[in-house]
Amino acid sequence: MLNIVSITARDIPDAWFQCIYNIIEHGHKYVIDRGSFCGQERLEFDYITVHIKHPGTRPLIPDIPHALNIPNPVAEGYLEEYLPYLMTSAKCENEDYTYGQYLESQIKEVIQMYKNDGHGTNQAYMTVGDPSTIYLGDPPCLRGIDTRIRYGKLHFMVYFRSWDLWNGFPANLGAIQLLKEYMSLEIGVQDGEIIAASKGLHLYDYIWELAKLRTLRTEY
């Protein structure tokens, strides 16, 4: 049977730490047959949901105790550099896609939908990708951002088909949180919660020792 893991966290750094701590116990170890780092091993949740109650709490990037001497997986200033990739359609020559090429027009539409038609709708869903992306060597990992305004706040529900826990999780969620803050301000509501889900949240084998060091766990 699939092992469904559910985590409730205070903020994004807390969610990151809890996921790393739990994947050591609940992760499934396997060799990658196709995809990034083919031939190496992943430790991966069967399926996980992460409820982050206060994702806007600063700092957005992980908290690494200085004594551990581990580099932060998200460098200072990276979220601000990454945000245009999430929100605009600008694309470099060597890129197959950016999330922004799918999201840019939908962000504007969702804002107008809530402002013009009210908050009582289930149609404000933003899709990433199209049927042709399955033929890419590296299809989009983020596949959708669902939205809801309830109790006067804008909430995001996001889904990743595959998700690197060490680097991708905190960087993606930090930038998605900045997007949510922008949209809530434009709509005129408060910033809300994030519920993230994935059947592919994982750690690559080259990062396992760092994960053990950060969590002070020794077993797999």
N, C-alpha and C. Protein backbone atom coordinates (compact mmCIF):
# COMPACT_ATOMS: atom_id res chain seq x y z
N MET A 1 0.84 -1.20 0.00
CA MET A 1 0.00 0.00 0.00
C MET A 1 0.87 1.25 0.00
N LEU A 2 0.37 2.29 -0.65
CA LEU A 2 1.08 3.56 -0.64
C LEU A 2 1.08 4.14 0.77
N ASN A 3 2.19 4.76 1.13
CA ASN A 3 2.32 5.41 2.43
C ASN A 3 2.06 6.90 2.23
N ILE A 4 0.89 7.37 2.67
CA ILE A 4 0.49 8.76 2.50
C ILE A 4 0.92 9.54 3.73
N VAL A 5 1.77 10.51 3.54
CA VAL A 5 2.30 11.31 4.65
C VAL A 5 1.67 12.69 4.63
N SER A 6 1.28 13.18 5.80
CA SER A 6 0.70 14.51 5.92
C SER A 6 1.47 15.29 6.98
N ILE A 7 1.89 16.49 6.64
CA ILE A 7 2.67 17.33 7.54
C ILE A 7 1.99 18.68 7.69
N THR A 8 1.92 19.16 8.91
CA THR A 8 1.44 20.51 9.19
C THR A 8 2.61 21.31 9.73
N ALA A 9 2.86 22.46 9.13
CA ALA A 9 4.03 23.26 9.48
C ALA A 9 3.64 24.69 9.77
N ARG A 10 4.50 25.34 10.54
CA ARG A 10 4.30 26.75 10.88
C ARG A 10 4.60 27.65 9.68
N ASP A 11 5.77 27.45 9.06
CA ASP A 11 6.21 28.29 7.95
C ASP A 11 7.02 27.44 6.98
N ILE A 12 7.58 28.05 5.95
CA ILE A 12 8.29 27.29 4.92
C ILE A 12 9.56 26.62 5.46
N PRO A 13 10.40 27.31 6.23
CA PRO A 13 11.57 26.60 6.80
C PRO A 13 11.19 25.42 7.68
N ASP A 14 10.11 25.55 8.45
CA ASP A 14 9.65 24.45 9.29
C ASP A 14 9.16 23.29 8.43
N ALA A 15 8.44 23.60 7.35
CA ALA A 15 7.96 22.55 6.43
C ALA A 15 9.13 21.82 5.80
N TRP A 16 10.15 22.55 5.39
CA TRP A 16 11.33 21.95 4.77
C TRP A 16 12.01 20.99 5.74
N PHE A 17 12.24 21.44 6.98
CA PHE A 17 12.90 20.59 7.96
C PHE A 17 12.07 19.34 8.26
N GLN A 18 10.76 19.50 8.46
CA GLN A 18 9.92 18.34 8.77
C GLN A 18 9.92 17.33 7.62
N CYS A 19 9.91 17.81 6.39
CA CYS A 19 9.92 16.89 5.25
C CYS A 19 11.23 16.11 5.20
N ILE A 20 12.35 16.79 5.42
CA ILE A 20 13.64 16.10 5.41
C ILE A 20 13.71 15.08 6.55
N TYR A 21 13.23 15.47 7.72
CA TYR A 21 13.25 14.57 8.87
C TYR A 21 12.40 13.33 8.59
N ASN A 22 11.23 13.52 7.98
CA ASN A 22 10.31 12.41 7.76
C ASN A 22 10.68 11.53 6.58
N ILE A 23 11.34 12.09 5.56
CA ILE A 23 11.65 11.27 4.39
C ILE A 23 12.68 10.21 4.73
N ILE A 24 13.53 10.48 5.72
CA ILE A 24 14.52 9.48 6.13
C ILE A 24 13.83 8.23 6.67
N GLU A 25 12.67 8.42 7.30
CA GLU A 25 11.92 7.29 7.85
C GLU A 25 10.91 6.73 6.87
N HIS A 26 10.24 7.59 6.12
CA HIS A 26 9.11 7.16 5.30
C HIS A 26 9.42 7.11 3.80
N GLY A 27 10.63 7.51 3.40
CA GLY A 27 10.94 7.54 1.98
C GLY A 27 11.17 6.17 1.38
N HIS A 28 10.86 6.04 0.10
CA HIS A 28 11.10 4.81 -0.67
C HIS A 28 12.36 5.01 -1.49
N LYS A 29 13.32 4.10 -1.36
CA LYS A 29 14.59 4.21 -2.07
C LYS A 29 14.52 3.42 -3.37
N TYR A 30 14.90 4.05 -4.48
CA TYR A 30 14.86 3.35 -5.77
C TYR A 30 15.86 3.95 -6.74
N VAL A 31 16.20 3.21 -7.78
CA VAL A 31 17.09 3.66 -8.84
C VAL A 31 16.27 4.35 -9.91
N ILE A 32 16.74 5.50 -10.37
CA ILE A 32 16.02 6.29 -11.37
C ILE A 32 16.22 5.66 -12.75
N ASP A 33 15.14 5.20 -13.36
CA ASP A 33 15.20 4.61 -14.70
C ASP A 33 15.14 5.68 -15.79
N ARG A 34 14.44 6.78 -15.51
CA ARG A 34 14.31 7.85 -16.49
C ARG A 34 14.11 9.16 -15.74
N GLY A 35 14.75 10.21 -16.25
CA GLY A 35 14.62 11.51 -15.60
C GLY A 35 15.96 12.04 -15.13
N SER A 36 15.91 13.09 -14.34
CA SER A 36 17.13 13.72 -13.84
C SER A 36 17.97 12.73 -13.04
N PHE A 37 19.29 12.73 -13.28
CA PHE A 37 20.24 11.86 -12.59
C PHE A 37 19.89 10.39 -12.78
N CYS A 38 19.57 10.03 -14.01
CA CYS A 38 19.24 8.64 -14.35
C CYS A 38 20.38 7.71 -13.93
N GLY A 39 20.02 6.60 -13.29
CA GLY A 39 20.98 5.64 -12.82
C GLY A 39 21.38 5.82 -11.37
N GLN A 40 21.07 6.97 -10.81
CA GLN A 40 21.36 7.20 -9.39
C GLN A 40 20.12 6.85 -8.56
N GLU A 41 20.25 7.03 -7.25
CA GLU A 41 19.16 6.66 -6.36
C GLU A 41 18.43 7.90 -5.84
N ARG A 42 17.14 7.73 -5.63
CA ARG A 42 16.32 8.72 -4.95
C ARG A 42 15.72 8.11 -3.70
N LEU A 43 15.51 8.94 -2.70
CA LEU A 43 14.69 8.62 -1.54
C LEU A 43 13.46 9.49 -1.66
N GLU A 44 12.26 8.89 -1.76
CA GLU A 44 11.09 9.62 -2.21
C GLU A 44 9.85 9.22 -1.42
N PHE A 45 9.02 10.19 -1.06
CA PHE A 45 7.71 9.91 -0.48
C PHE A 45 6.81 9.29 -1.54
N ASP A 46 5.96 8.33 -1.12
CA ASP A 46 4.94 7.82 -2.05
C ASP A 46 3.98 8.94 -2.43
N TYR A 47 3.54 9.67 -1.43
CA TYR A 47 2.67 10.84 -1.64
C TYR A 47 2.68 11.65 -0.36
N ILE A 48 2.71 12.97 -0.50
CA ILE A 48 2.77 13.82 0.68
C ILE A 48 1.94 15.08 0.48
N THR A 49 1.29 15.51 1.54
CA THR A 49 0.65 16.83 1.57
C THR A 49 1.30 17.62 2.70
N VAL A 50 1.56 18.89 2.44
CA VAL A 50 2.20 19.77 3.42
C VAL A 50 1.34 21.01 3.59
N HIS A 51 0.77 21.16 4.78
CA HIS A 51 -0.07 22.32 5.09
C HIS A 51 0.77 23.34 5.84
N ILE A 52 0.99 24.50 5.21
CA ILE A 52 1.81 25.55 5.81
C ILE A 52 0.88 26.68 6.24
N LYS A 53 0.76 26.88 7.53
CA LYS A 53 -0.23 27.82 8.07
C LYS A 53 0.18 29.28 7.93
N HIS A 54 1.47 29.56 8.05
CA HIS A 54 1.94 30.95 7.98
C HIS A 54 3.13 31.03 7.01
N PRO A 55 2.89 30.79 5.72
CA PRO A 55 4.01 30.74 4.77
C PRO A 55 4.69 32.08 4.54
N GLY A 56 4.06 33.17 4.94
CA GLY A 56 4.66 34.48 4.74
C GLY A 56 5.65 34.88 5.81
N THR A 57 5.79 34.07 6.86
CA THR A 57 6.74 34.38 7.93
C THR A 57 8.16 34.41 7.38
N ARG A 58 8.88 35.48 7.69
CA ARG A 58 10.26 35.59 7.27
C ARG A 58 11.18 35.01 8.33
N PRO A 59 12.34 34.46 7.88
CA PRO A 59 12.79 34.32 6.49
C PRO A 59 12.05 33.21 5.77
N LEU A 60 11.98 33.33 4.44
CA LEU A 60 11.33 32.31 3.63
C LEU A 60 12.25 31.12 3.34
N ILE A 61 13.56 31.34 3.39
CA ILE A 61 14.51 30.28 3.07
C ILE A 61 14.86 29.48 4.33
N PRO A 62 15.41 28.27 4.17
CA PRO A 62 15.67 27.40 5.33
C PRO A 62 16.56 28.03 6.39
N ASP A 63 16.36 27.58 7.60
CA ASP A 63 17.18 27.99 8.74
C ASP A 63 18.24 26.91 8.97
N ILE A 64 19.49 27.26 8.75
CA ILE A 64 20.60 26.31 8.92
C ILE A 64 21.45 26.79 10.10
N PRO A 65 21.47 26.06 11.21
CA PRO A 65 22.33 26.45 12.33
C PRO A 65 23.78 26.60 11.89
N HIS A 66 24.40 27.68 12.29
CA HIS A 66 25.78 27.98 11.86
C HIS A 66 26.74 26.87 12.25
N ALA A 67 26.50 26.25 13.40
CA ALA A 67 27.42 25.23 13.91
C ALA A 67 27.50 24.00 13.00
N LEU A 68 26.46 23.76 12.17
CA LEU A 68 26.46 22.59 11.30
C LEU A 68 27.37 22.78 10.09
N ASN A 69 27.68 24.04 9.77
CA ASN A 69 28.58 24.33 8.64
C ASN A 69 28.07 23.74 7.33
N ILE A 70 26.74 23.86 7.12
CA ILE A 70 26.10 23.39 5.89
C ILE A 70 25.68 24.62 5.08
N PRO A 71 25.99 24.68 3.79
CA PRO A 71 25.53 25.83 2.99
C PRO A 71 24.02 25.81 2.86
N ASN A 72 23.41 26.99 2.90
CA ASN A 72 21.97 27.08 2.74
C ASN A 72 21.59 26.64 1.32
N PRO A 73 20.60 25.78 1.18
CA PRO A 73 20.22 25.33 -0.18
C PRO A 73 19.65 26.44 -1.05
N VAL A 74 19.25 27.54 -0.43
CA VAL A 74 18.74 28.69 -1.19
C VAL A 74 19.57 29.92 -0.81
N ALA A 75 20.31 30.45 -1.75
CA ALA A 75 21.18 31.59 -1.47
C ALA A 75 20.35 32.85 -1.24
N GLU A 76 20.90 33.76 -0.45
CA GLU A 76 20.27 35.05 -0.23
C GLU A 76 20.07 35.76 -1.57
N GLY A 77 18.87 36.28 -1.78
CA GLY A 77 18.56 37.00 -3.01
C GLY A 77 18.08 36.14 -4.15
N TYR A 78 18.17 34.80 -4.01
CA TYR A 78 17.78 33.92 -5.11
C TYR A 78 16.29 34.01 -5.42
N LEU A 79 15.45 34.12 -4.39
CA LEU A 79 14.00 34.15 -4.61
C LEU A 79 13.60 35.32 -5.49
N GLU A 80 14.20 36.47 -5.26
CA GLU A 80 13.89 37.64 -6.07
C GLU A 80 14.33 37.46 -7.52
N GLU A 81 15.46 36.76 -7.72
CA GLU A 81 15.92 36.47 -9.08
C GLU A 81 15.03 35.44 -9.76
N TYR A 82 14.50 34.50 -8.97
CA TYR A 82 13.69 33.41 -9.51
C TYR A 82 12.28 33.86 -9.86
N LEU A 83 11.79 34.90 -9.18
CA LEU A 83 10.39 35.31 -9.32
C LEU A 83 9.97 35.61 -10.76
N PRO A 84 10.79 36.31 -11.57
CA PRO A 84 10.39 36.54 -12.97
C PRO A 84 10.18 35.24 -13.75
N TYR A 85 10.95 34.19 -13.42
CA TYR A 85 10.78 32.88 -14.07
C TYR A 85 9.40 32.32 -13.79
N LEU A 86 8.84 32.68 -12.62
CA LEU A 86 7.53 32.19 -12.22
C LEU A 86 6.40 33.05 -12.77
N MET A 87 6.64 34.34 -12.97
CA MET A 87 5.55 35.27 -13.24
C MET A 87 5.53 35.83 -14.65
N THR A 88 6.63 35.75 -15.40
CA THR A 88 6.68 36.35 -16.73
C THR A 88 7.03 35.30 -17.78
N SER A 89 6.73 35.61 -19.02
CA SER A 89 6.93 34.66 -20.11
C SER A 89 8.32 34.76 -20.74
N ALA A 90 9.18 35.61 -20.20
CA ALA A 90 10.53 35.74 -20.75
C ALA A 90 11.27 34.41 -20.65
N LYS A 91 11.94 34.02 -21.73
CA LYS A 91 12.60 32.71 -21.78
C LYS A 91 13.95 32.85 -22.46
N CYS A 92 14.98 32.20 -21.89
CA CYS A 92 16.31 32.21 -22.50
C CYS A 92 16.36 31.20 -23.65
N GLU A 93 17.36 31.33 -24.51
CA GLU A 93 17.45 30.50 -25.70
C GLU A 93 17.59 29.01 -25.36
N ASN A 94 18.26 28.70 -24.27
CA ASN A 94 18.51 27.29 -23.94
C ASN A 94 17.41 26.68 -23.07
N GLU A 95 16.33 27.39 -22.85
CA GLU A 95 15.24 26.89 -22.01
C GLU A 95 14.11 26.33 -22.85
N ASP A 96 13.62 25.14 -22.49
CA ASP A 96 12.45 24.58 -23.17
C ASP A 96 11.17 25.29 -22.76
N TYR A 97 11.14 25.79 -21.54
CA TYR A 97 9.94 26.46 -21.02
C TYR A 97 10.32 27.23 -19.76
N THR A 98 9.43 28.10 -19.33
CA THR A 98 9.47 28.65 -17.98
C THR A 98 8.06 28.52 -17.41
N TYR A 99 7.96 28.46 -16.11
CA TYR A 99 6.63 28.43 -15.51
C TYR A 99 5.85 29.68 -15.89
N GLY A 100 6.56 30.81 -15.99
CA GLY A 100 5.90 32.06 -16.30
C GLY A 100 5.23 32.10 -17.65
N GLN A 101 5.75 31.34 -18.63
CA GLN A 101 5.11 31.37 -19.95
C GLN A 101 3.70 30.80 -19.88
N TYR A 102 3.46 29.92 -18.92
CA TYR A 102 2.11 29.38 -18.73
C TYR A 102 1.30 30.23 -17.75
N LEU A 103 1.97 30.80 -16.75
CA LEU A 103 1.25 31.45 -15.65
C LEU A 103 0.96 32.93 -15.87
N GLU A 104 1.78 33.61 -16.65
CA GLU A 104 1.66 35.07 -16.74
C GLU A 104 0.25 35.54 -17.04
N SER A 105 -0.35 35.03 -18.09
CA SER A 105 -1.70 35.48 -18.45
C SER A 105 -2.75 34.98 -17.46
N GLN A 106 -2.51 33.79 -16.87
CA GLN A 106 -3.48 33.24 -15.93
C GLN A 106 -3.48 34.02 -14.61
N ILE A 107 -2.31 34.51 -14.20
CA ILE A 107 -2.25 35.33 -12.99
C ILE A 107 -3.15 36.55 -13.13
N LYS A 108 -3.04 37.22 -14.27
CA LYS A 108 -3.88 38.40 -14.51
C LYS A 108 -5.36 38.03 -14.53
N GLU A 109 -5.67 36.89 -15.13
CA GLU A 109 -7.07 36.48 -15.24
C GLU A 109 -7.66 36.14 -13.87
N VAL A 110 -6.90 35.44 -13.05
CA VAL A 110 -7.39 35.07 -11.72
C VAL A 110 -7.62 36.33 -10.88
N ILE A 111 -6.71 37.28 -10.95
CA ILE A 111 -6.90 38.53 -10.22
C ILE A 111 -8.19 39.22 -10.64
N GLN A 112 -8.41 39.33 -11.96
CA GLN A 112 -9.61 39.98 -12.45
C GLN A 112 -10.87 39.18 -12.12
N MET A 113 -10.76 37.86 -12.15
CA MET A 113 -11.90 37.00 -11.81
C MET A 113 -12.40 37.29 -10.40
N TYR A 114 -11.47 37.34 -9.46
CA TYR A 114 -11.86 37.59 -8.07
C TYR A 114 -12.34 39.03 -7.88
N LYS A 115 -11.71 39.98 -8.54
CA LYS A 115 -12.09 41.38 -8.36
C LYS A 115 -13.43 41.70 -9.00
N ASN A 116 -13.69 41.11 -10.17
CA ASN A 116 -14.90 41.46 -10.92
C ASN A 116 -16.11 40.59 -10.59
N ASP A 117 -15.85 39.30 -10.30
CA ASP A 117 -16.96 38.36 -10.15
C ASP A 117 -17.19 37.89 -8.73
N GLY A 118 -16.30 38.22 -7.81
CA GLY A 118 -16.48 37.80 -6.43
C GLY A 118 -15.61 36.61 -6.07
N HIS A 119 -15.66 36.25 -4.81
CA HIS A 119 -14.76 35.23 -4.28
C HIS A 119 -15.34 33.83 -4.28
N GLY A 120 -16.61 33.70 -4.55
CA GLY A 120 -17.26 32.39 -4.47
C GLY A 120 -17.15 31.61 -5.77
N THR A 121 -15.97 31.11 -6.07
CA THR A 121 -15.76 30.35 -7.30
C THR A 121 -14.71 29.27 -7.08
N ASN A 122 -14.82 28.20 -7.86
CA ASN A 122 -13.81 27.14 -7.90
C ASN A 122 -13.08 27.11 -9.24
N GLN A 123 -13.19 28.17 -10.02
CA GLN A 123 -12.62 28.19 -11.36
C GLN A 123 -11.25 28.86 -11.45
N ALA A 124 -10.75 29.40 -10.35
CA ALA A 124 -9.51 30.18 -10.39
C ALA A 124 -8.28 29.27 -10.23
N TYR A 125 -8.12 28.38 -11.18
CA TYR A 125 -7.03 27.40 -11.18
C TYR A 125 -6.05 27.73 -12.30
N MET A 126 -4.76 27.73 -11.99
CA MET A 126 -3.73 28.07 -12.97
C MET A 126 -2.94 26.81 -13.34
N THR A 127 -2.93 26.48 -14.62
CA THR A 127 -2.29 25.25 -15.12
C THR A 127 -0.90 25.53 -15.65
N VAL A 128 0.02 24.61 -15.38
CA VAL A 128 1.37 24.68 -15.94
C VAL A 128 1.55 23.50 -16.89
N GLY A 129 1.96 23.80 -18.12
CA GLY A 129 2.19 22.75 -19.10
C GLY A 129 1.01 22.53 -20.02
N ASP A 130 1.24 21.72 -21.05
CA ASP A 130 0.22 21.32 -22.01
C ASP A 130 0.56 19.90 -22.45
N PRO A 131 -0.30 19.24 -23.24
CA PRO A 131 -0.02 17.84 -23.60
C PRO A 131 1.33 17.60 -24.25
N SER A 132 1.89 18.59 -24.93
CA SER A 132 3.16 18.38 -25.63
C SER A 132 4.34 18.28 -24.67
N THR A 133 4.19 18.73 -23.42
CA THR A 133 5.34 18.72 -22.52
C THR A 133 5.76 17.32 -22.12
N ILE A 134 4.91 16.33 -22.31
CA ILE A 134 5.29 14.95 -21.96
C ILE A 134 6.44 14.46 -22.84
N TYR A 135 6.64 15.10 -23.98
CA TYR A 135 7.71 14.69 -24.89
C TYR A 135 9.03 15.39 -24.60
N LEU A 136 9.05 16.31 -23.65
CA LEU A 136 10.28 16.99 -23.29
C LEU A 136 11.18 16.06 -22.47
N GLY A 137 12.47 16.30 -22.56
CA GLY A 137 13.39 15.53 -21.74
C GLY A 137 13.22 15.82 -20.26
N ASP A 138 12.77 17.03 -19.95
CA ASP A 138 12.56 17.44 -18.56
C ASP A 138 11.27 18.25 -18.48
N PRO A 139 10.11 17.57 -18.39
CA PRO A 139 8.83 18.27 -18.34
C PRO A 139 8.71 19.12 -17.07
N PRO A 140 7.80 20.09 -17.07
CA PRO A 140 7.62 20.93 -15.87
C PRO A 140 7.33 20.09 -14.63
N CYS A 141 7.95 20.47 -13.53
CA CYS A 141 7.69 19.79 -12.25
C CYS A 141 6.43 20.34 -11.60
N LEU A 142 6.31 21.65 -11.54
CA LEU A 142 5.09 22.27 -11.06
C LEU A 142 4.02 22.11 -12.12
N ARG A 143 2.86 21.56 -11.75
CA ARG A 143 1.82 21.32 -12.74
C ARG A 143 0.58 22.17 -12.53
N GLY A 144 0.41 22.76 -11.36
CA GLY A 144 -0.76 23.59 -11.18
C GLY A 144 -0.76 24.33 -9.85
N ILE A 145 -1.37 25.52 -9.87
CA ILE A 145 -1.61 26.29 -8.66
C ILE A 145 -3.10 26.57 -8.59
N ASP A 146 -3.77 25.93 -7.65
CA ASP A 146 -5.18 26.21 -7.41
C ASP A 146 -5.28 27.32 -6.37
N THR A 147 -6.34 28.09 -6.43
CA THR A 147 -6.48 29.22 -5.51
C THR A 147 -7.86 29.20 -4.87
N ARG A 148 -7.93 29.80 -3.71
CA ARG A 148 -9.21 29.94 -3.01
C ARG A 148 -9.14 31.16 -2.11
N ILE A 149 -10.19 31.96 -2.13
CA ILE A 149 -10.33 33.03 -1.15
C ILE A 149 -11.39 32.60 -0.15
N ARG A 150 -10.97 32.44 1.07
CA ARG A 150 -11.88 32.07 2.15
C ARG A 150 -11.41 32.73 3.44
N TYR A 151 -12.38 33.19 4.21
CA TYR A 151 -12.10 33.89 5.47
C TYR A 151 -11.25 35.13 5.23
N GLY A 152 -11.50 35.77 4.07
CA GLY A 152 -10.83 37.02 3.76
C GLY A 152 -9.37 36.89 3.35
N LYS A 153 -8.90 35.66 3.04
CA LYS A 153 -7.51 35.44 2.70
C LYS A 153 -7.40 34.63 1.41
N LEU A 154 -6.32 34.89 0.64
CA LEU A 154 -6.02 34.12 -0.57
C LEU A 154 -5.12 32.95 -0.20
N HIS A 155 -5.59 31.74 -0.50
CA HIS A 155 -4.85 30.52 -0.21
C HIS A 155 -4.44 29.85 -1.52
N PHE A 156 -3.28 29.19 -1.51
CA PHE A 156 -2.79 28.45 -2.67
C PHE A 156 -2.75 26.96 -2.35
N MET A 157 -3.16 26.14 -3.33
CA MET A 157 -2.97 24.70 -3.30
C MET A 157 -2.14 24.34 -4.52
N VAL A 158 -0.94 23.82 -4.31
CA VAL A 158 -0.02 23.58 -5.43
C VAL A 158 0.30 22.09 -5.54
N TYR A 159 0.56 21.66 -6.78
CA TYR A 159 0.91 20.26 -7.01
C TYR A 159 2.17 20.17 -7.87
N PHE A 160 3.11 19.34 -7.42
CA PHE A 160 4.34 19.06 -8.16
C PHE A 160 4.37 17.58 -8.53
N ARG A 161 4.60 17.27 -9.81
CA ARG A 161 4.72 15.87 -10.22
C ARG A 161 6.02 15.26 -9.71
N SER A 162 7.09 16.08 -9.68
CA SER A 162 8.40 15.68 -9.16
C SER A 162 8.99 16.90 -8.48
N TRP A 163 9.74 16.67 -7.35
CA TRP A 163 10.12 17.84 -6.55
C TRP A 163 11.36 17.53 -5.75
N ASP A 164 12.43 18.23 -6.05
CA ASP A 164 13.68 18.07 -5.30
C ASP A 164 13.50 18.72 -3.93
N LEU A 165 13.58 17.94 -2.87
CA LEU A 165 13.32 18.42 -1.52
C LEU A 165 14.40 19.36 -1.03
N TRP A 166 15.66 19.08 -1.30
CA TRP A 166 16.74 19.85 -0.70
C TRP A 166 16.77 21.28 -1.23
N ASN A 167 16.79 21.44 -2.55
CA ASN A 167 16.88 22.78 -3.14
C ASN A 167 15.54 23.30 -3.66
N GLY A 168 14.86 22.46 -4.44
CA GLY A 168 13.66 22.91 -5.13
C GLY A 168 12.52 23.29 -4.22
N PHE A 169 12.27 22.48 -3.20
CA PHE A 169 11.14 22.72 -2.29
C PHE A 169 11.18 24.11 -1.67
N PRO A 170 12.27 24.51 -1.01
CA PRO A 170 12.25 25.84 -0.40
C PRO A 170 12.28 26.98 -1.40
N ALA A 171 13.01 26.80 -2.52
CA ALA A 171 13.08 27.86 -3.52
C ALA A 171 11.74 28.05 -4.21
N ASN A 172 11.12 26.94 -4.62
CA ASN A 172 9.82 27.03 -5.28
C ASN A 172 8.76 27.64 -4.38
N LEU A 173 8.66 27.13 -3.15
CA LEU A 173 7.63 27.63 -2.24
C LEU A 173 7.88 29.08 -1.84
N GLY A 174 9.14 29.45 -1.68
CA GLY A 174 9.43 30.85 -1.37
C GLY A 174 8.96 31.78 -2.47
N ALA A 175 9.24 31.43 -3.72
CA ALA A 175 8.81 32.26 -4.84
C ALA A 175 7.30 32.23 -5.01
N ILE A 176 6.69 31.06 -4.82
CA ILE A 176 5.23 30.95 -4.91
C ILE A 176 4.57 31.80 -3.83
N GLN A 177 5.18 31.85 -2.65
CA GLN A 177 4.65 32.71 -1.60
C GLN A 177 4.71 34.19 -1.99
N LEU A 178 5.81 34.61 -2.61
CA LEU A 178 5.91 36.00 -3.07
C LEU A 178 4.84 36.30 -4.13
N LEU A 179 4.59 35.32 -5.00
CA LEU A 179 3.51 35.47 -5.99
C LEU A 179 2.17 35.62 -5.29
N LYS A 180 1.92 34.82 -4.28
CA LYS A 180 0.64 34.88 -3.56
C LYS A 180 0.46 36.23 -2.87
N GLU A 181 1.54 36.75 -2.30
CA GLU A 181 1.47 38.06 -1.66
C GLU A 181 1.13 39.15 -2.67
N TYR A 182 1.74 39.06 -3.85
CA TYR A 182 1.43 40.04 -4.91
C TYR A 182 -0.04 39.94 -5.32
N MET A 183 -0.53 38.73 -5.54
CA MET A 183 -1.91 38.56 -6.00
C MET A 183 -2.91 38.98 -4.92
N SER A 184 -2.63 38.66 -3.68
CA SER A 184 -3.56 39.05 -2.61
C SER A 184 -3.64 40.57 -2.51
N LEU A 185 -2.50 41.25 -2.69
CA LEU A 185 -2.50 42.71 -2.66
C LEU A 185 -3.30 43.28 -3.82
N GLU A 186 -3.13 42.72 -5.00
CA GLU A 186 -3.86 43.19 -6.17
C GLU A 186 -5.37 42.96 -6.03
N ILE A 187 -5.73 41.83 -5.44
CA ILE A 187 -7.16 41.50 -5.27
C ILE A 187 -7.77 42.32 -4.15
N GLY A 188 -6.98 42.63 -3.14
CA GLY A 188 -7.48 43.37 -2.00
C GLY A 188 -7.90 42.50 -0.83
N VAL A 189 -7.22 41.35 -0.67
CA VAL A 189 -7.50 40.46 0.46
C VAL A 189 -6.19 40.20 1.20
N GLN A 190 -6.28 39.50 2.32
CA GLN A 190 -5.09 39.17 3.09
C GLN A 190 -4.39 37.95 2.50
N ASP A 191 -3.12 37.83 2.83
CA ASP A 191 -2.33 36.67 2.42
C ASP A 191 -2.70 35.47 3.28
N GLY A 192 -2.85 34.30 2.64
CA GLY A 192 -3.31 33.11 3.35
C GLY A 192 -2.30 31.98 3.40
N GLU A 193 -2.80 30.76 3.41
CA GLU A 193 -2.01 29.55 3.65
C GLU A 193 -1.60 28.88 2.34
N ILE A 194 -0.73 27.90 2.44
CA ILE A 194 -0.33 27.07 1.30
C ILE A 194 -0.53 25.61 1.68
N ILE A 195 -1.15 24.86 0.79
CA ILE A 195 -1.19 23.40 0.89
C ILE A 195 -0.50 22.86 -0.36
N ALA A 196 0.62 22.17 -0.15
CA ALA A 196 1.40 21.62 -1.26
C ALA A 196 1.29 20.11 -1.26
N ALA A 197 1.24 19.52 -2.45
CA ALA A 197 1.14 18.07 -2.57
C ALA A 197 2.05 17.58 -3.69
N SER A 198 2.53 16.33 -3.53
CA SER A 198 3.39 15.74 -4.56
C SER A 198 3.46 14.23 -4.38
N LYS A 199 3.55 13.52 -5.51
CA LYS A 199 3.85 12.10 -5.46
C LYS A 199 5.33 11.86 -5.79
N GLY A 200 6.11 12.97 -5.85
CA GLY A 200 7.50 12.83 -6.25
C GLY A 200 8.46 13.69 -5.46
N LEU A 201 8.15 14.00 -4.19
CA LEU A 201 9.07 14.79 -3.37
C LEU A 201 10.22 13.90 -2.93
N HIS A 202 11.46 14.28 -3.25
CA HIS A 202 12.57 13.35 -3.10
C HIS A 202 13.88 14.02 -2.71
N LEU A 203 14.80 13.19 -2.24
CA LEU A 203 16.20 13.57 -2.04
C LEU A 203 17.07 12.68 -2.93
N TYR A 204 18.00 13.28 -3.66
CA TYR A 204 18.96 12.50 -4.44
C TYR A 204 20.04 11.93 -3.51
N ASP A 205 20.64 10.83 -3.92
CA ASP A 205 21.60 10.14 -3.05
C ASP A 205 22.79 11.00 -2.66
N TYR A 206 23.19 11.94 -3.52
CA TYR A 206 24.37 12.74 -3.21
C TYR A 206 24.12 13.73 -2.07
N ILE A 207 22.85 13.90 -1.65
CA ILE A 207 22.53 14.85 -0.60
C ILE A 207 22.15 14.15 0.71
N TRP A 208 22.12 12.82 0.72
CA TRP A 208 21.65 12.11 1.92
C TRP A 208 22.48 12.42 3.16
N GLU A 209 23.79 12.51 3.00
CA GLU A 209 24.63 12.77 4.17
C GLU A 209 24.35 14.15 4.75
N LEU A 210 24.12 15.14 3.90
CA LEU A 210 23.77 16.47 4.39
C LEU A 210 22.42 16.45 5.10
N ALA A 211 21.47 15.67 4.57
CA ALA A 211 20.16 15.57 5.20
C ALA A 211 20.27 14.95 6.59
N LYS A 212 21.09 13.93 6.71
CA LYS A 212 21.31 13.31 8.03
C LYS A 212 21.96 14.29 8.99
N LEU A 213 22.90 15.06 8.49
CA LEU A 213 23.58 16.02 9.33
C LEU A 213 22.63 17.12 9.80
N ARG A 214 21.78 17.61 8.90
CA ARG A 214 20.84 18.69 9.28
C ARG A 214 19.82 18.22 10.29
N THR A 215 19.37 16.98 10.19
CA THR A 215 18.32 16.47 11.08
C THR A 215 18.87 15.71 12.27
N LEU A 216 20.20 15.49 12.30
CA LEU A 216 20.85 14.71 13.37
C LEU A 216 20.31 13.29 13.42
N ARG A 217 19.89 12.78 12.24
CA ARG A 217 19.43 11.39 12.14
C ARG A 217 20.51 10.59 11.43
N THR A 218 20.63 9.33 11.80
CA THR A 218 21.66 8.47 11.24
C THR A 218 21.10 7.32 10.43
N GLU A 219 19.82 6.98 10.64
CA GLU A 219 19.28 5.79 10.00
C GLU A 219 18.46 6.15 8.76
N TYR A 220 18.31 5.17 7.87
CA TYR A 220 17.41 5.31 6.71
C TYR A 220 16.34 4.24 6.83
